């Protein structure tokens, strides 16, 4: 009896045994350290970002494939029209092809963009060549042979010498760098001159400026294409160009350009003031800078309308450098002209 009483007293001193119930999920979440909860949230966000990125990549690839196929179909249609169709229809389809490429730049990889630009430039050259072939040729005419004077007759007085034909004006004629192609409009080889072409001379023409030194060129009108090659220390002021502008091998130049597509190769230490529908492209260029187009002249609004350019769409500050593939760092080869350094008055 005494032993039983002592056991009961000892049990009372120890108290009731502790009861541990399993934690409910809500309580477990509260008990988890805040750091672990934050890590889990970040992990979930990372998974979601990867999912969205993968879906966006799939959509982009599908769009790219669709656009490449559409471009190929339009290219074949233009080539067929150039071979045996009406040239005006070929020109209209070619302009549509240029517009398709311009609107597709952000969906296509750089390689496809470059291939498309080269295709459009080739077709533009083919169109110009076909137009030249279809121009009426000069008619052949027989010339009367001079008769020898009969013996004993008095010789006829010699006719006054005719002046030699004047050299062609530097405005429209064969331009350097276009061997075998049709006559183009432009200037070449001039030094320290003020050169100018007007609307009647430029309307839907292919213009070339080649080998100029220290010249100031004004092109007031709506050209079809413009090529500026191997120029040094020149200022080029150009009205709206319906399709593309190519600047190649220039240095220390100031170029004011409005166009659908701008391509710049092997150019350095030059400034561009541009109105461009697509993203400008540079390749093998250094120290080139960009600002928005600011030139104006009487009649420029009509030239913009005839060119088909949208004045409200200007990607002057979007430049693709084909020599700079890093996506997380800007290209060191081009920059934006600071606002306080931009030119607003050109005349």
Protein backbone atom coordinates (compact mmCIF):
# COMPACT_ATOMS: atom_id res chain seq x y z
CA UNK A 1 0.00 0.00 0.00
CA UNK A 2 2.78 2.40 0.89
CA UNK A 3 4.59 1.61 -2.39
CA UNK A 4 1.43 2.31 -4.41
CA UNK A 5 0.95 5.64 -2.66
CA UNK A 6 4.51 6.76 -3.34
CA UNK A 7 4.13 5.90 -7.07
CA UNK A 8 0.95 7.97 -7.28
CA UNK A 9 2.63 10.92 -5.58
CA UNK A 10 5.56 10.75 -7.96
CA UNK A 11 3.19 10.67 -10.94
CA UNK A 12 1.43 13.79 -9.69
CA UNK A 13 4.78 15.60 -9.34
CA UNK A 14 5.78 14.77 -12.94
CA UNK A 15 2.50 16.16 -14.26
CA UNK A 16 0.63 15.02 -17.35
CA UNK A 17 2.63 13.81 -20.37
CA UNK A 18 3.12 16.40 -23.12
CA UNK A 19 0.82 15.95 -26.11
CA UNK A 20 2.26 16.97 -29.54
CA UNK A 21 -0.35 17.31 -32.28
CA UNK A 22 0.67 17.30 -35.97
CA UNK A 23 0.93 20.85 -37.44
CA UNK A 24 -1.74 21.89 -39.88
CA UNK A 25 -0.56 23.27 -43.30
CA UNK A 26 -1.46 26.84 -42.32
CA UNK A 27 0.59 26.56 -39.15
CA UNK A 28 3.50 24.94 -41.05
CA UNK A 29 3.60 27.87 -43.45
CA UNK A 30 3.75 30.25 -40.53
CA UNK A 31 6.55 28.29 -38.95
CA UNK A 32 8.70 28.19 -42.16
CA UNK A 33 11.39 30.83 -42.06
CA UNK A 34 10.62 33.94 -44.15
CA UNK A 35 13.83 33.41 -46.12
CA UNK A 36 12.63 30.02 -47.39
CA UNK A 37 9.27 31.44 -48.36
CA UNK A 38 10.97 34.22 -50.34
CA UNK A 39 13.23 31.72 -52.08
CA UNK A 40 10.23 29.60 -53.08
CA UNK A 41 8.42 32.65 -54.47
CA UNK A 42 11.47 33.60 -56.52
CA UNK A 43 11.72 30.06 -57.84
CA UNK A 44 8.09 30.11 -58.93
CA UNK A 45 8.60 33.48 -60.65
CA UNK A 46 11.64 32.13 -62.47
CA UNK A 47 9.68 29.13 -63.71
CA UNK A 48 6.92 31.42 -64.97
CA UNK A 49 9.40 33.69 -66.77
CA UNK A 50 10.98 30.71 -68.49
CA UNK A 51 7.58 29.48 -69.59
CA UNK A 52 6.61 32.86 -71.01
CA UNK A 53 9.98 33.21 -72.75
CA UNK A 54 9.63 29.79 -74.35
CA UNK A 55 6.12 30.58 -75.56
CA UNK A 56 7.28 33.93 -76.98
CA UNK A 57 10.17 32.21 -78.76
CA UNK A 58 7.81 29.70 -80.35
CA UNK A 59 5.52 32.52 -81.53
CA UNK A 60 8.49 34.46 -82.92
CA UNK A 61 9.79 31.43 -84.80
CA UNK A 62 6.36 30.80 -86.28
CA UNK A 63 6.09 34.46 -87.33
CA UNK A 64 9.59 34.36 -88.79
CA UNK A 65 8.81 31.27 -90.87
CA UNK A 66 5.56 32.82 -92.11
CA UNK A 67 7.25 36.10 -93.07
CA UNK A 68 10.14 34.36 -94.86
CA UNK A 69 7.66 32.32 -96.88
CA UNK A 70 5.58 35.40 -97.72
CA UNK A 71 8.71 37.30 -98.77
CA UNK A 72 9.76 34.41 -101.03
CA UNK A 73 6.34 34.37 -102.73
CA UNK A 74 6.41 38.11 -103.37
CA UNK A 75 9.99 37.93 -104.63
CA UNK A 76 9.03 35.27 -107.16
CA UNK A 77 6.07 37.37 -108.31
CA UNK A 78 8.31 40.42 -108.83
CA UNK A 79 10.88 38.36 -110.75
CA UNK A 80 8.16 36.99 -113.03
CA UNK A 81 6.84 40.48 -113.75
CA UNK A 82 10.34 41.77 -114.47
CA UNK A 83 10.83 38.94 -116.95
CA UNK A 84 7.60 39.25 -118.91
CA UNK A 85 5.09 41.49 -117.19
CA UNK A 86 4.15 45.17 -117.06
CA UNK A 87 6.95 47.13 -115.40
CA UNK A 88 4.56 49.41 -113.55
CA UNK A 89 3.01 46.39 -111.86
CA UNK A 90 6.49 45.05 -111.11
CA UNK A 91 7.43 48.39 -109.54
CA UNK A 92 4.28 48.36 -107.39
CA UNK A 93 4.89 44.77 -106.24
CA UNK A 94 8.52 45.60 -105.51
CA UNK A 95 7.45 48.52 -103.35
CA UNK A 96 5.09 46.17 -101.50
CA UNK A 97 7.98 43.73 -101.01
CA UNK A 98 10.09 46.53 -99.54
CA UNK A 99 7.25 47.45 -97.19
CA UNK A 100 6.83 43.81 -96.10
CA UNK A 101 10.52 43.60 -95.24
CA UNK A 102 10.42 46.91 -93.39
CA UNK A 103 7.50 45.84 -91.22
CA UNK A 104 9.04 42.42 -90.53
CA UNK A 105 12.46 43.52 -89.27
CA UNK A 106 11.66 43.07 -85.59
CA UNK A 107 10.47 39.49 -86.14
CA UNK A 108 13.40 38.29 -88.28
CA UNK A 109 16.94 37.32 -87.29
CA UNK A 110 19.70 39.62 -88.60
CA UNK A 111 20.76 37.11 -91.25
CA UNK A 112 17.29 37.01 -92.80
CA UNK A 113 17.08 40.82 -92.70
CA UNK A 114 20.38 41.14 -94.53
CA UNK A 115 19.34 38.59 -97.15
CA UNK A 116 16.07 40.41 -97.69
CA UNK A 117 17.80 43.77 -98.09
CA UNK A 118 20.19 42.35 -100.65
CA UNK A 119 17.29 40.79 -102.57
CA UNK A 120 15.37 44.08 -102.67
CA UNK A 121 18.48 45.97 -103.83
CA UNK A 122 19.06 43.39 -106.59
CA UNK A 123 15.47 43.62 -107.79
CA UNK A 124 15.65 47.41 -107.82
CA UNK A 125 18.70 47.18 -110.05
CA UNK A 126 16.93 44.70 -112.33
CA UNK A 127 13.94 47.04 -112.60
CA UNK A 128 16.14 49.98 -113.57
CA UNK A 129 17.91 47.85 -116.18
CA UNK A 130 14.60 46.67 -117.69
CA UNK A 131 13.33 50.23 -117.92
CA UNK A 132 16.49 51.20 -119.75
CA UNK A 133 16.13 48.27 -122.18
CA UNK A 134 12.56 49.25 -123.05
CA UNK A 135 13.39 52.88 -123.80
CA UNK A 136 13.02 53.63 -127.53
CA UNK A 137 16.32 53.47 -129.37
CA UNK A 138 17.55 56.17 -131.70
CA UNK A 139 16.53 55.64 -135.32
CA UNK A 140 19.25 54.76 -137.80
CA UNK A 141 19.68 57.26 -140.63
CA UNK A 142 21.89 57.15 -143.74
CA UNK A 143 24.28 60.01 -144.28
CA UNK A 144 25.11 61.22 -147.77
CA UNK A 145 28.67 60.57 -148.87
CA UNK A 146 30.77 63.51 -149.96
CA UNK A 147 31.33 63.60 -153.71
CA UNK A 148 34.82 64.27 -155.00
CA UNK A 149 35.18 67.45 -157.04
CA UNK A 150 35.39 66.98 -160.77
CA UNK A 151 38.74 67.79 -162.42
CA UNK A 152 39.00 71.48 -163.31
CA UNK A 153 36.05 72.57 -161.17
CA UNK A 154 36.45 75.18 -158.51
CA UNK A 155 36.63 73.78 -155.01
CA UNK A 156 33.66 74.59 -152.79
CA UNK A 157 34.37 76.83 -149.85
CA UNK A 158 35.03 74.90 -146.70
CA UNK A 159 32.17 74.81 -144.24
CA UNK A 160 32.82 76.42 -140.88
CA UNK A 161 33.86 73.94 -138.25
CA UNK A 162 31.01 72.82 -136.03
CA UNK A 163 31.51 73.24 -132.30
CA UNK A 164 32.24 70.05 -130.40
CA UNK A 165 29.25 68.71 -128.50
CA UNK A 166 29.09 69.96 -124.94
CA UNK A 167 29.96 67.54 -122.19
CA UNK A 168 26.90 66.19 -120.41
CA UNK A 169 25.79 68.10 -117.38
CA UNK A 170 26.74 66.53 -114.07
CA UNK A 171 23.11 66.09 -113.09
CA UNK A 172 21.79 63.04 -114.86
CA UNK A 173 24.05 60.68 -116.74
CA UNK A 174 26.19 57.59 -116.24
CA UNK A 175 27.53 57.56 -112.69
CA UNK A 176 30.75 55.99 -111.58
CA UNK A 177 30.56 52.60 -109.94
CA UNK A 178 27.65 51.42 -112.10
CA UNK A 179 29.52 49.74 -114.95
CA UNK A 180 27.20 48.03 -117.40
CA UNK A 181 24.09 49.43 -115.74
CA UNK A 182 21.63 52.00 -117.00
CA UNK A 183 22.43 55.72 -116.80
CA UNK A 184 21.67 56.97 -113.33
CA UNK A 185 21.14 60.40 -111.89
CA UNK A 186 23.75 62.01 -109.66
CA UNK A 187 27.23 63.48 -109.29
CA UNK A 188 30.70 61.98 -109.24
CA UNK A 189 34.25 63.19 -108.82
CA UNK A 190 33.41 66.78 -107.86
CA UNK A 191 35.48 68.72 -105.32
CA UNK A 192 34.53 71.73 -103.18
CA UNK A 193 31.32 72.41 -105.11
CA UNK A 194 27.69 73.21 -104.30
CA UNK A 195 25.60 70.65 -106.20
CA UNK A 196 21.84 70.52 -106.52
CA UNK A 197 19.06 68.57 -108.26
CA UNK A 198 15.38 69.50 -108.29
CA UNK A 199 12.04 67.66 -108.29
CA UNK A 200 11.81 67.18 -112.07
CA UNK A 201 15.29 65.64 -112.23
CA UNK A 202 14.82 63.38 -109.20
CA UNK A 203 11.28 62.06 -109.56
CA UNK A 204 11.52 58.27 -108.99
CA UNK A 205 15.09 58.20 -110.29
CA UNK A 206 17.95 56.08 -108.95
CA UNK A 207 20.54 58.57 -107.67
CA UNK A 208 24.27 58.00 -107.14
CA UNK A 209 26.75 60.29 -105.40
CA UNK A 210 30.27 58.90 -105.86
CA UNK A 211 33.78 60.11 -105.08
CA UNK A 212 32.81 63.60 -103.89
CA UNK A 213 35.23 65.70 -101.83
CA UNK A 214 34.16 68.61 -99.64
CA UNK A 215 30.87 69.14 -101.51
CA UNK A 216 27.46 70.36 -100.32
CA UNK A 217 24.68 68.48 -102.12
CA UNK A 218 20.98 69.40 -102.08
CA UNK A 219 18.52 66.90 -103.51
CA UNK A 220 15.08 68.56 -103.43
CA UNK A 221 12.56 66.01 -104.62
CA UNK A 222 11.41 62.39 -104.45
CA UNK A 223 14.04 59.90 -105.66
CA UNK A 224 13.49 56.16 -105.87
CA UNK A 225 16.86 55.08 -104.40
CA UNK A 226 20.03 56.84 -103.28
CA UNK A 227 23.60 55.49 -103.12
CA UNK A 228 26.37 57.53 -101.51
CA UNK A 229 29.80 56.01 -102.11
CA UNK A 230 33.38 56.93 -101.21
CA UNK A 231 32.62 60.52 -100.23
CA UNK A 232 34.80 62.61 -97.90
CA UNK A 233 33.89 65.71 -95.91
CA UNK A 234 30.53 66.19 -97.66
CA UNK A 235 27.11 67.42 -96.57
CA UNK A 236 24.18 65.68 -98.27
CA UNK A 237 20.67 67.07 -97.81
CA UNK A 238 18.12 64.73 -99.39
CA UNK A 239 14.35 64.80 -99.71
CA UNK A 240 12.22 61.68 -99.22
CA UNK A 241 13.48 58.52 -100.97
CA UNK A 242 10.74 56.01 -101.78
CA UNK A 243 12.76 52.87 -101.01
CA UNK A 244 16.36 52.45 -99.81
CA UNK A 245 19.49 54.50 -99.16
CA UNK A 246 22.94 52.88 -99.19
CA UNK A 247 25.92 54.73 -97.70
CA UNK A 248 29.21 52.94 -98.37
CA UNK A 249 32.85 53.84 -97.72
CA UNK A 250 32.24 57.43 -96.54
CA UNK A 251 34.12 59.48 -93.97
CA UNK A 252 33.59 62.80 -92.14
CA UNK A 253 30.21 63.31 -93.78
CA UNK A 254 26.93 64.85 -92.66
CA UNK A 255 23.92 63.11 -94.20
CA UNK A 256 20.29 64.18 -93.88
CA UNK A 257 18.10 61.38 -95.26
CA UNK A 258 14.46 60.26 -95.36
CA UNK A 259 13.77 56.72 -96.60
CA UNK A 260 12.18 53.35 -95.90
CA UNK A 261 15.47 51.55 -95.38
CA UNK A 262 18.96 52.81 -94.50
CA UNK A 263 22.05 50.62 -94.87
CA UNK A 264 25.50 51.93 -93.97
CA UNK A 265 28.73 50.04 -94.73
CA UNK A 266 32.42 50.86 -94.15
CA UNK A 267 31.67 54.38 -92.90
CA UNK A 268 33.27 56.30 -90.05
CA UNK A 269 33.17 59.68 -88.28
CA UNK A 270 29.84 60.65 -89.83
CA UNK A 271 26.55 62.06 -88.57
CA UNK A 272 23.09 61.05 -89.78
CA UNK A 273 19.83 62.98 -89.46
CA UNK A 274 17.23 60.45 -90.56
CA UNK A 275 13.53 59.79 -91.09
CA UNK A 276 13.52 56.01 -91.55
CA UNK A 277 10.61 53.58 -91.50
CA UNK A 278 12.58 50.44 -90.60
CA UNK A 279 15.53 50.02 -88.28
CA UNK A 280 18.74 51.41 -89.73
CA UNK A 281 21.52 48.88 -90.34
CA UNK A 282 25.26 49.50 -89.97
CA UNK A 283 28.11 47.14 -90.79
CA UNK A 284 31.87 47.67 -90.45
CA UNK A 285 31.23 51.22 -89.19
CA UNK A 286 32.75 53.26 -86.35
CA UNK A 287 31.96 56.64 -84.78
CA UNK A 288 28.61 57.15 -86.52
CA UNK A 289 25.83 59.04 -84.74
CA UNK A 290 22.12 59.62 -85.33
CA UNK A 291 19.45 62.27 -84.80
CA UNK A 292 15.94 62.84 -86.21
CA UNK A 293 15.44 64.36 -89.68
CA UNK A 294 15.13 68.17 -89.55
CA UNK A 295 15.57 69.45 -93.13
CA UNK A 296 12.71 71.21 -94.89
CA UNK A 297 12.16 73.02 -98.19
CA UNK A 298 9.19 74.31 -100.20
CA UNK A 299 7.25 71.34 -101.56
CA UNK A 300 8.63 68.71 -99.19
CA UNK A 301 5.16 67.66 -98.01
CA UNK A 302 4.17 66.79 -101.58
CA UNK A 303 7.40 64.81 -101.98
CA UNK A 304 6.61 62.84 -98.82
CA UNK A 305 3.16 62.02 -100.18
CA UNK A 306 4.50 60.82 -103.54
CA UNK A 307 7.20 58.75 -101.79
CA UNK A 308 4.70 56.82 -99.67
CA UNK A 309 6.68 57.44 -96.46
CA UNK A 310 4.77 57.90 -93.22
CA UNK A 311 5.94 61.09 -91.53
CA UNK A 312 4.55 59.88 -88.22
CA UNK A 313 6.78 56.79 -88.19
CA UNK A 314 10.47 57.40 -87.56
CA UNK A 315 12.86 54.83 -86.07
CA UNK A 316 15.85 57.19 -86.13
CA UNK A 317 17.16 55.90 -82.79
CA UNK A 318 16.82 52.15 -83.55
CA UNK A 319 20.02 50.90 -85.17
CA UNK A 320 21.13 47.29 -85.78
CA UNK A 321 24.90 46.78 -85.80
CA UNK A 322 25.69 43.53 -87.62
CA UNK A 323 29.19 43.57 -86.08
CA UNK A 324 27.89 43.66 -82.50
CA UNK A 325 26.02 40.54 -81.43
CA UNK A 326 25.89 41.13 -77.67
CA UNK A 327 22.31 41.72 -76.53
CA UNK A 328 23.06 42.90 -72.99
CA UNK A 329 25.44 45.72 -73.97
CA UNK A 330 24.98 48.57 -76.49
CA UNK A 331 27.19 48.72 -79.56
CA UNK A 332 30.18 51.06 -79.19
CA UNK A 333 30.12 51.82 -82.93
CA UNK A 334 27.15 54.20 -82.95
CA UNK A 335 25.53 56.76 -80.66
CA UNK A 336 22.80 59.40 -80.49
CA UNK A 337 23.67 63.04 -81.15
CA UNK A 338 22.97 65.05 -77.95
CA UNK A 339 20.04 67.43 -78.32
CA UNK A 340 22.14 70.55 -77.72
CA UNK A 341 24.45 69.55 -80.58
CA UNK A 342 21.74 68.85 -83.17
CA UNK A 343 21.37 71.09 -86.22
CA UNK A 344 17.91 72.51 -86.89
CA UNK A 345 18.59 75.16 -89.54
CA UNK A 346 20.34 74.05 -92.74
CA UNK A 347 20.11 77.06 -95.05
